[in-house]
Amino acid sequence: MKKLKILELFGGISAPHQALINLGVEVETIDYVENDKKVVEIRNIMYGTDYIPKSVIDYHCDEEVDLLIGGSPCQDFSQAGLKMGGEEGVLNKKHIDIFKKHNDYVESIGYKVYYQVLNAKEFGIPQNRERVFIVAIRNDIKQEFNFENLETKPMKPLKDFLETPNDL
């Protein structure tokens, strides 16, 4: 089986990368882009890599990739903290034009864009955390995407995620 070539933007600790591995998908990271030095250090320790911090601003990848993974920071859109994001995050009237501009651009370069607001609590995570998920599929790939097909799970109690002193 061919390895899936992925590009990780706003890479963090590579949670989507690990999710693919957990699903049995063989991946090859073409590049990992994250500007937080400490997070890059943690990612390097976790995966035995030697990436350096870099920004997505003016980033360019010359290599062809099969899957782009990115989770831009939510602080600018979040209701938490200084409440700079407005009442409904990225889809509110303050940010919707930027969101539409992004999607229009992605469609202009040959992709079909799907998006949906999903809440972590609907997938077994004990946290009420809504996020906008975007999936873009190249037009030459005759594949539709439907968020309705995602399998939800009952929320697990927080204690199921915590380590006990015996686990340490």
N, C-alpha and C. Protein backbone atom coordinates (compact mmCIF):
# COMPACT_ATOMS: atom_id res chain seq x y z
N MET A 1 0.85 -1.18 0.00
CA MET A 1 0.00 0.00 0.00
C MET A 1 0.90 1.25 0.00
N LYS A 2 0.54 2.20 -0.82
CA LYS A 2 1.28 3.46 -0.93
C LYS A 2 1.05 4.30 0.32
N LYS A 3 2.13 4.92 0.80
CA LYS A 3 2.00 5.82 1.94
C LYS A 3 1.27 7.08 1.51
N LEU A 4 0.43 7.59 2.40
CA LEU A 4 -0.30 8.82 2.17
C LEU A 4 0.64 9.98 2.48
N LYS A 5 0.92 10.82 1.49
CA LYS A 5 1.81 11.97 1.69
C LYS A 5 1.00 13.11 2.29
N ILE A 6 1.39 13.53 3.50
CA ILE A 6 0.63 14.58 4.18
C ILE A 6 1.50 15.81 4.43
N LEU A 7 0.85 16.95 4.43
CA LEU A 7 1.47 18.22 4.79
C LEU A 7 0.71 18.72 6.01
N GLU A 8 1.43 18.98 7.10
CA GLU A 8 0.81 19.43 8.34
C GLU A 8 1.06 20.92 8.54
N LEU A 9 0.00 21.73 8.42
CA LEU A 9 0.09 23.16 8.69
C LEU A 9 -0.54 23.43 10.06
N PHE A 10 0.00 24.40 10.78
CA PHE A 10 -0.43 24.64 12.17
C PHE A 10 -0.36 23.29 12.89
N GLY A 11 0.78 22.63 12.76
CA GLY A 11 0.93 21.23 13.12
C GLY A 11 0.66 20.82 14.54
N GLY A 12 0.91 21.72 15.50
CA GLY A 12 0.70 21.34 16.89
C GLY A 12 1.45 20.07 17.23
N ILE A 13 0.81 19.18 17.97
CA ILE A 13 1.46 17.91 18.32
C ILE A 13 1.06 16.80 17.35
N SER A 14 0.60 17.18 16.18
CA SER A 14 0.30 16.24 15.09
C SER A 14 -0.83 15.27 15.43
N ALA A 15 -1.87 15.75 16.09
CA ALA A 15 -2.99 14.88 16.45
C ALA A 15 -3.65 14.24 15.22
N PRO A 16 -3.92 14.98 14.12
CA PRO A 16 -4.51 14.32 12.95
C PRO A 16 -3.58 13.27 12.35
N HIS A 17 -2.28 13.55 12.35
CA HIS A 17 -1.27 12.59 11.89
C HIS A 17 -1.40 11.29 12.70
N GLN A 18 -1.46 11.43 14.03
CA GLN A 18 -1.58 10.25 14.90
C GLN A 18 -2.91 9.54 14.69
N ALA A 19 -3.96 10.30 14.43
CA ALA A 19 -5.27 9.68 14.17
C ALA A 19 -5.20 8.79 12.94
N LEU A 20 -4.52 9.25 11.90
CA LEU A 20 -4.35 8.43 10.70
C LEU A 20 -3.59 7.15 11.02
N ILE A 21 -2.53 7.28 11.80
CA ILE A 21 -1.76 6.10 12.20
C ILE A 21 -2.64 5.13 12.99
N ASN A 22 -3.43 5.68 13.91
CA ASN A 22 -4.33 4.84 14.71
C ASN A 22 -5.35 4.11 13.85
N LEU A 23 -5.70 4.69 12.70
CA LEU A 23 -6.64 4.06 11.77
C LEU A 23 -5.96 3.06 10.84
N GLY A 24 -4.64 2.92 10.99
CA GLY A 24 -3.91 1.97 10.17
C GLY A 24 -3.43 2.53 8.84
N VAL A 25 -3.48 3.84 8.69
CA VAL A 25 -3.04 4.48 7.45
C VAL A 25 -1.53 4.74 7.53
N GLU A 26 -0.80 4.30 6.53
CA GLU A 26 0.62 4.58 6.48
C GLU A 26 0.81 5.99 5.94
N VAL A 27 1.53 6.83 6.70
CA VAL A 27 1.70 8.23 6.31
C VAL A 27 3.17 8.58 6.16
N GLU A 28 3.41 9.51 5.26
CA GLU A 28 4.72 10.13 5.09
C GLU A 28 4.51 11.63 5.19
N THR A 29 5.09 12.26 6.20
CA THR A 29 4.94 13.69 6.36
C THR A 29 5.91 14.39 5.42
N ILE A 30 5.37 15.13 4.46
CA ILE A 30 6.18 15.89 3.51
C ILE A 30 6.80 17.08 4.22
N ASP A 31 6.01 17.75 5.07
CA ASP A 31 6.53 18.84 5.89
C ASP A 31 5.58 19.08 7.04
N TYR A 32 6.13 19.68 8.08
CA TYR A 32 5.41 20.01 9.30
C TYR A 32 5.68 21.48 9.58
N VAL A 33 4.62 22.28 9.66
CA VAL A 33 4.77 23.72 9.83
C VAL A 33 4.06 24.15 11.12
N GLU A 34 4.85 24.65 12.04
CA GLU A 34 4.35 25.12 13.34
C GLU A 34 5.34 26.17 13.84
N ASN A 35 4.83 27.30 14.34
CA ASN A 35 5.73 28.37 14.75
C ASN A 35 6.03 28.40 16.24
N ASP A 36 5.36 27.59 17.04
CA ASP A 36 5.59 27.57 18.48
C ASP A 36 6.77 26.64 18.80
N LYS A 37 7.86 27.23 19.26
CA LYS A 37 9.10 26.49 19.49
C LYS A 37 8.91 25.30 20.43
N LYS A 38 8.22 25.51 21.53
CA LYS A 38 8.02 24.43 22.51
C LYS A 38 7.18 23.29 21.92
N VAL A 39 6.17 23.64 21.15
CA VAL A 39 5.33 22.61 20.54
C VAL A 39 6.13 21.80 19.52
N VAL A 40 6.98 22.47 18.75
CA VAL A 40 7.83 21.77 17.78
C VAL A 40 8.77 20.81 18.52
N GLU A 41 9.33 21.26 19.64
CA GLU A 41 10.20 20.39 20.44
C GLU A 41 9.46 19.13 20.90
N ILE A 42 8.23 19.32 21.37
CA ILE A 42 7.43 18.18 21.82
C ILE A 42 7.15 17.24 20.66
N ARG A 43 6.78 17.78 19.52
CA ARG A 43 6.48 16.96 18.33
C ARG A 43 7.73 16.17 17.92
N ASN A 44 8.88 16.83 17.95
CA ASN A 44 10.13 16.15 17.59
C ASN A 44 10.43 15.00 18.53
N ILE A 45 10.19 15.18 19.81
CA ILE A 45 10.40 14.10 20.79
C ILE A 45 9.43 12.95 20.52
N MET A 46 8.17 13.28 20.27
CA MET A 46 7.15 12.26 20.06
C MET A 46 7.43 11.39 18.84
N TYR A 47 7.93 12.00 17.77
CA TYR A 47 8.08 11.27 16.50
C TYR A 47 9.52 11.08 16.06
N GLY A 48 10.48 11.51 16.88
CA GLY A 48 11.89 11.34 16.52
C GLY A 48 12.28 12.13 15.29
N THR A 49 11.73 13.33 15.16
CA THR A 49 12.02 14.18 14.01
C THR A 49 12.88 15.36 14.44
N ASP A 50 13.26 16.20 13.49
CA ASP A 50 14.10 17.36 13.82
C ASP A 50 13.60 18.63 13.13
N TYR A 51 12.30 18.83 13.14
CA TYR A 51 11.73 20.03 12.53
C TYR A 51 12.12 21.27 13.32
N ILE A 52 12.13 22.40 12.63
CA ILE A 52 12.39 23.69 13.28
C ILE A 52 11.11 24.52 13.18
N PRO A 53 10.92 25.45 14.12
CA PRO A 53 9.71 26.29 14.04
C PRO A 53 9.70 27.12 12.76
N LYS A 54 8.53 27.21 12.15
CA LYS A 54 8.35 28.07 10.98
C LYS A 54 6.90 28.46 10.88
N SER A 55 6.64 29.54 10.18
CA SER A 55 5.31 30.10 10.06
C SER A 55 4.66 29.69 8.75
N VAL A 56 3.33 29.63 8.75
CA VAL A 56 2.60 29.36 7.51
C VAL A 56 2.56 30.59 6.60
N ILE A 57 2.86 31.75 7.18
CA ILE A 57 2.86 32.98 6.38
C ILE A 57 4.00 32.89 5.38
N ASP A 58 3.67 33.02 4.12
CA ASP A 58 4.61 32.92 3.01
C ASP A 58 5.22 31.53 2.85
N TYR A 59 4.64 30.52 3.49
CA TYR A 59 5.13 29.15 3.33
C TYR A 59 4.75 28.64 1.95
N HIS A 60 5.63 27.88 1.35
CA HIS A 60 5.35 27.28 0.05
C HIS A 60 5.91 25.86 0.02
N CYS A 61 5.11 24.94 -0.45
CA CYS A 61 5.53 23.55 -0.58
C CYS A 61 5.59 23.22 -2.06
N ASP A 62 6.74 22.77 -2.53
CA ASP A 62 6.91 22.42 -3.94
C ASP A 62 6.54 20.97 -4.24
N GLU A 63 6.44 20.17 -3.21
CA GLU A 63 6.16 18.75 -3.40
C GLU A 63 4.66 18.48 -3.42
N GLU A 64 4.24 17.52 -4.21
CA GLU A 64 2.84 17.15 -4.28
C GLU A 64 2.46 16.36 -3.03
N VAL A 65 1.30 16.68 -2.48
CA VAL A 65 0.82 15.99 -1.28
C VAL A 65 -0.55 15.39 -1.56
N ASP A 66 -0.85 14.33 -0.82
CA ASP A 66 -2.16 13.69 -0.94
C ASP A 66 -3.18 14.30 0.00
N LEU A 67 -2.69 14.78 1.16
CA LEU A 67 -3.60 15.29 2.18
C LEU A 67 -2.96 16.45 2.91
N LEU A 68 -3.67 17.56 2.95
CA LEU A 68 -3.24 18.73 3.72
C LEU A 68 -4.02 18.70 5.02
N ILE A 69 -3.30 18.73 6.13
CA ILE A 69 -3.93 18.75 7.45
C ILE A 69 -3.59 20.08 8.08
N GLY A 70 -4.58 20.78 8.57
CA GLY A 70 -4.30 22.05 9.22
C GLY A 70 -5.37 22.40 10.23
N GLY A 71 -4.95 22.95 11.32
CA GLY A 71 -5.88 23.39 12.34
C GLY A 71 -5.45 24.75 12.83
N SER A 72 -5.87 25.79 12.13
CA SER A 72 -5.39 27.12 12.50
C SER A 72 -5.80 27.46 13.92
N PRO A 73 -4.99 28.24 14.60
CA PRO A 73 -5.30 28.60 16.00
C PRO A 73 -6.67 29.26 16.10
N CYS A 74 -7.36 28.91 17.16
CA CYS A 74 -8.73 29.39 17.31
C CYS A 74 -8.82 30.71 18.08
N GLN A 75 -7.70 31.18 18.64
CA GLN A 75 -7.77 32.35 19.51
C GLN A 75 -8.41 33.56 18.83
N ASP A 76 -8.13 33.77 17.57
CA ASP A 76 -8.69 34.93 16.88
C ASP A 76 -10.20 34.82 16.67
N PHE A 77 -10.71 33.60 16.72
CA PHE A 77 -12.13 33.40 16.45
C PHE A 77 -12.91 32.97 17.68
N SER A 78 -12.22 32.64 18.74
CA SER A 78 -12.84 32.07 19.92
C SER A 78 -13.61 33.09 20.74
N GLN A 79 -14.60 32.60 21.47
CA GLN A 79 -15.32 33.44 22.41
C GLN A 79 -14.58 33.54 23.74
N ALA A 80 -13.62 32.67 23.94
CA ALA A 80 -12.86 32.66 25.20
C ALA A 80 -11.83 33.78 25.20
N GLY A 81 -11.13 33.92 26.31
CA GLY A 81 -10.07 34.91 26.41
C GLY A 81 -10.60 36.32 26.33
N LEU A 82 -10.09 37.10 25.39
CA LEU A 82 -10.48 38.49 25.25
C LEU A 82 -11.76 38.66 24.43
N LYS A 83 -12.37 37.56 24.06
CA LYS A 83 -13.63 37.57 23.30
C LYS A 83 -13.51 38.36 21.99
N MET A 84 -12.37 38.20 21.35
CA MET A 84 -12.13 38.90 20.09
C MET A 84 -12.89 38.25 18.93
N GLY A 85 -13.38 37.05 19.14
CA GLY A 85 -13.99 36.30 18.06
C GLY A 85 -15.47 36.54 17.87
N GLY A 86 -16.07 37.31 18.70
CA GLY A 86 -17.49 37.54 18.53
C GLY A 86 -18.32 36.44 19.15
N GLU A 87 -19.55 36.36 18.77
CA GLU A 87 -20.49 35.46 19.43
C GLU A 87 -20.49 34.04 18.87
N GLU A 88 -20.12 33.86 17.62
CA GLU A 88 -20.22 32.52 17.04
C GLU A 88 -18.95 32.09 16.34
N GLY A 89 -17.81 32.67 16.72
CA GLY A 89 -16.56 32.23 16.12
C GLY A 89 -16.43 32.58 14.67
N VAL A 90 -15.77 31.68 13.89
CA VAL A 90 -15.40 31.96 12.51
C VAL A 90 -16.59 32.17 11.57
N LEU A 91 -17.76 31.66 11.94
CA LEU A 91 -18.92 31.79 11.06
C LEU A 91 -19.81 32.97 11.43
N ASN A 92 -19.40 33.81 12.37
CA ASN A 92 -20.23 34.96 12.71
C ASN A 92 -20.01 36.07 11.68
N LYS A 93 -20.83 37.12 11.76
CA LYS A 93 -20.76 38.17 10.74
C LYS A 93 -19.42 38.89 10.72
N LYS A 94 -18.69 38.88 11.84
CA LYS A 94 -17.38 39.54 11.89
C LYS A 94 -16.34 38.81 11.02
N HIS A 95 -16.45 37.48 10.92
CA HIS A 95 -15.42 36.68 10.23
C HIS A 95 -15.91 35.96 8.98
N ILE A 96 -17.20 35.94 8.74
CA ILE A 96 -17.74 35.11 7.66
C ILE A 96 -17.18 35.50 6.28
N ASP A 97 -16.89 36.78 6.06
CA ASP A 97 -16.34 37.18 4.75
C ASP A 97 -14.96 36.58 4.51
N ILE A 98 -14.14 36.52 5.56
CA ILE A 98 -12.81 35.89 5.44
C ILE A 98 -12.98 34.40 5.17
N PHE A 99 -13.90 33.78 5.89
CA PHE A 99 -14.16 32.35 5.72
C PHE A 99 -14.61 32.06 4.29
N LYS A 100 -15.55 32.87 3.78
CA LYS A 100 -16.03 32.68 2.41
C LYS A 100 -14.91 32.93 1.39
N LYS A 101 -14.08 33.94 1.65
CA LYS A 101 -12.97 34.24 0.74
C LYS A 101 -12.01 33.05 0.67
N HIS A 102 -11.72 32.46 1.83
CA HIS A 102 -10.86 31.28 1.88
C HIS A 102 -11.46 30.15 1.05
N ASN A 103 -12.73 29.84 1.29
CA ASN A 103 -13.38 28.75 0.57
C ASN A 103 -13.48 29.02 -0.92
N ASP A 104 -13.77 30.27 -1.30
CA ASP A 104 -13.82 30.63 -2.72
C ASP A 104 -12.46 30.41 -3.39
N TYR A 105 -11.39 30.77 -2.67
CA TYR A 105 -10.05 30.57 -3.22
C TYR A 105 -9.77 29.08 -3.42
N VAL A 106 -10.07 28.27 -2.42
CA VAL A 106 -9.83 26.83 -2.51
C VAL A 106 -10.63 26.25 -3.68
N GLU A 107 -11.87 26.68 -3.86
CA GLU A 107 -12.66 26.22 -4.99
C GLU A 107 -12.09 26.70 -6.32
N SER A 108 -11.52 27.91 -6.34
CA SER A 108 -10.96 28.46 -7.59
C SER A 108 -9.72 27.69 -8.06
N ILE A 109 -9.06 26.99 -7.14
CA ILE A 109 -7.88 26.22 -7.56
C ILE A 109 -8.21 24.74 -7.75
N GLY A 110 -9.52 24.44 -7.82
CA GLY A 110 -9.92 23.11 -8.24
C GLY A 110 -10.39 22.15 -7.17
N TYR A 111 -10.98 22.66 -6.11
CA TYR A 111 -11.47 21.80 -5.03
C TYR A 111 -12.94 22.06 -4.74
N LYS A 112 -13.61 21.03 -4.27
CA LYS A 112 -14.97 21.16 -3.75
C LYS A 112 -14.84 21.23 -2.23
N VAL A 113 -15.46 22.24 -1.61
CA VAL A 113 -15.30 22.49 -0.18
C VAL A 113 -16.57 22.09 0.57
N TYR A 114 -16.37 21.37 1.66
CA TYR A 114 -17.44 20.99 2.57
C TYR A 114 -17.04 21.49 3.96
N TYR A 115 -17.99 22.00 4.72
CA TYR A 115 -17.66 22.39 6.09
C TYR A 115 -18.85 22.16 7.01
N GLN A 116 -18.51 22.00 8.28
CA GLN A 116 -19.53 21.73 9.29
C GLN A 116 -18.98 22.09 10.66
N VAL A 117 -19.84 22.60 11.53
CA VAL A 117 -19.46 22.82 12.92
C VAL A 117 -19.69 21.50 13.66
N LEU A 118 -18.64 20.99 14.30
CA LEU A 118 -18.74 19.76 15.08
C LEU A 118 -18.34 20.05 16.51
N ASN A 119 -18.95 19.33 17.42
CA ASN A 119 -18.67 19.51 18.85
C ASN A 119 -17.99 18.25 19.38
N ALA A 120 -16.89 18.43 20.09
CA ALA A 120 -16.12 17.31 20.63
C ALA A 120 -16.98 16.37 21.47
N LYS A 121 -17.94 16.92 22.18
CA LYS A 121 -18.77 16.09 23.06
C LYS A 121 -19.60 15.07 22.28
N GLU A 122 -19.82 15.30 20.99
CA GLU A 122 -20.58 14.36 20.17
C GLU A 122 -19.74 13.17 19.71
N PHE A 123 -18.43 13.21 20.04
CA PHE A 123 -17.53 12.14 19.62
C PHE A 123 -16.82 11.50 20.80
N GLY A 124 -17.49 11.55 21.96
CA GLY A 124 -17.00 10.86 23.14
C GLY A 124 -16.07 11.65 24.03
N ILE A 125 -15.75 12.88 23.68
CA ILE A 125 -14.81 13.69 24.45
C ILE A 125 -15.58 14.51 25.49
N PRO A 126 -15.14 14.49 26.75
CA PRO A 126 -15.88 15.21 27.80
C PRO A 126 -15.58 16.70 27.78
N GLN A 127 -15.91 17.34 26.68
CA GLN A 127 -15.66 18.77 26.54
C GLN A 127 -16.67 19.33 25.54
N ASN A 128 -17.28 20.44 25.90
CA ASN A 128 -18.20 21.12 25.00
C ASN A 128 -17.37 22.10 24.18
N ARG A 129 -16.87 21.65 23.03
CA ARG A 129 -15.91 22.43 22.25
C ARG A 129 -16.30 22.36 20.77
N GLU A 130 -16.91 23.41 20.29
CA GLU A 130 -17.31 23.46 18.88
C GLU A 130 -16.15 23.98 18.03
N ARG A 131 -15.99 23.35 16.87
CA ARG A 131 -14.97 23.76 15.91
C ARG A 131 -15.54 23.61 14.50
N VAL A 132 -15.05 24.44 13.61
CA VAL A 132 -15.43 24.34 12.20
C VAL A 132 -14.44 23.39 11.53
N PHE A 133 -14.95 22.35 10.89
CA PHE A 133 -14.12 21.41 10.15
C PHE A 133 -14.37 21.63 8.67
N ILE A 134 -13.29 21.66 7.92
CA ILE A 134 -13.36 21.86 6.48
C ILE A 134 -12.70 20.68 5.79
N VAL A 135 -13.38 20.13 4.79
CA VAL A 135 -12.81 19.08 3.95
C VAL A 135 -12.88 19.61 2.52
N ALA A 136 -11.75 19.55 1.82
CA ALA A 136 -11.71 19.98 0.42
C ALA A 136 -11.19 18.81 -0.41
N ILE A 137 -11.93 18.46 -1.44
CA ILE A 137 -11.57 17.34 -2.30
C ILE A 137 -11.37 17.86 -3.72
N ARG A 138 -10.24 17.46 -4.33
CA ARG A 138 -9.96 17.89 -5.70
C ARG A 138 -11.11 17.51 -6.62
N ASN A 139 -11.43 18.40 -7.55
CA ASN A 139 -12.54 18.18 -8.47
C ASN A 139 -12.36 16.93 -9.34
N ASP A 140 -11.10 16.57 -9.64
CA ASP A 140 -10.87 15.41 -10.49
C ASP A 140 -11.09 14.09 -9.74
N ILE A 141 -11.23 14.16 -8.43
CA ILE A 141 -11.56 12.98 -7.63
C ILE A 141 -13.08 12.98 -7.45
N LYS A 142 -13.71 12.06 -8.08
CA LYS A 142 -15.18 12.03 -8.06
C LYS A 142 -15.66 11.40 -6.76
N GLN A 143 -15.56 12.16 -5.69
CA GLN A 143 -15.93 11.69 -4.37
C GLN A 143 -16.65 12.80 -3.64
N GLU A 144 -17.81 12.50 -3.14
CA GLU A 144 -18.55 13.45 -2.32
C GLU A 144 -18.18 13.22 -0.86
N PHE A 145 -18.39 14.22 -0.03
CA PHE A 145 -18.15 14.08 1.41
C PHE A 145 -19.40 14.51 2.14
N ASN A 146 -19.75 13.76 3.17
CA ASN A 146 -20.95 14.08 3.93
C ASN A 146 -20.64 13.96 5.42
N PHE A 147 -20.71 15.07 6.13
CA PHE A 147 -20.47 15.06 7.56
C PHE A 147 -21.50 14.23 8.31
N GLU A 148 -22.66 14.03 7.70
CA GLU A 148 -23.72 13.25 8.36
C GLU A 148 -23.31 11.80 8.54
N ASN A 149 -22.32 11.33 7.77
CA ASN A 149 -21.89 9.94 7.87
C ASN A 149 -20.93 9.70 9.05
N LEU A 150 -20.53 10.75 9.74
CA LEU A 150 -19.62 10.58 10.87
C LEU A 150 -20.34 9.87 12.02
N GLU A 151 -19.65 8.95 12.63
CA GLU A 151 -20.24 8.19 13.73
C GLU A 151 -20.05 8.94 15.04
N THR A 152 -21.16 9.30 15.67
CA THR A 152 -21.07 9.96 16.98
C THR A 152 -21.00 8.90 18.07
N LYS A 153 -20.51 9.33 19.22
CA LYS A 153 -20.37 8.43 20.37
C LYS A 153 -20.85 9.14 21.61
N PRO A 154 -21.36 8.38 22.57
CA PRO A 154 -21.76 9.03 23.81
C PRO A 154 -20.53 9.59 24.53
N MET A 155 -20.73 10.71 25.22
CA MET A 155 -19.63 11.35 25.92
C MET A 155 -19.14 10.47 27.06
N LYS A 156 -17.83 10.25 27.10
CA LYS A 156 -17.22 9.49 28.18
C LYS A 156 -16.99 10.41 29.37
N PRO A 157 -17.01 9.86 30.57
CA PRO A 157 -16.71 10.70 31.74
C PRO A 157 -15.23 11.09 31.75
N LEU A 158 -14.96 12.25 32.29
CA LEU A 158 -13.60 12.78 32.35
C LEU A 158 -12.65 11.80 33.02
N LYS A 159 -13.12 11.08 34.03
CA LYS A 159 -12.25 10.16 34.77
C LYS A 159 -11.65 9.09 33.85
N ASP A 160 -12.32 8.78 32.73
CA ASP A 160 -11.78 7.79 31.79
C ASP A 160 -10.52 8.28 31.06
N PHE A 161 -10.27 9.58 31.11
CA PHE A 161 -9.12 10.15 30.42
C PHE A 161 -7.98 10.52 31.37
N LEU A 162 -8.24 10.47 32.66
CA LEU A 162 -7.24 10.88 33.64
C LEU A 162 -6.40 9.70 34.08
N GLU A 163 -5.13 9.99 34.32
CA GLU A 163 -4.23 8.97 34.85
C GLU A 163 -4.39 8.89 36.35
N THR A 164 -4.29 7.69 36.88
CA THR A 164 -4.30 7.53 38.32
C THR A 164 -2.86 7.40 38.78
N PRO A 165 -2.58 7.58 40.05
CA PRO A 165 -1.19 7.41 40.53
C PRO A 165 -0.60 6.06 40.16
N ASN A 166 -1.44 5.02 40.05
CA ASN A 166 -0.95 3.69 39.66
C ASN A 166 -0.49 3.64 38.22
N ASP A 167 -1.03 4.56 37.37
CA ASP A 167 -0.68 4.59 35.95
C ASP A 167 0.67 5.25 35.71
N LEU A 168 1.13 6.04 36.65
CA LEU A 168 2.35 6.83 36.45
C LEU A 168 3.60 6.04 36.64
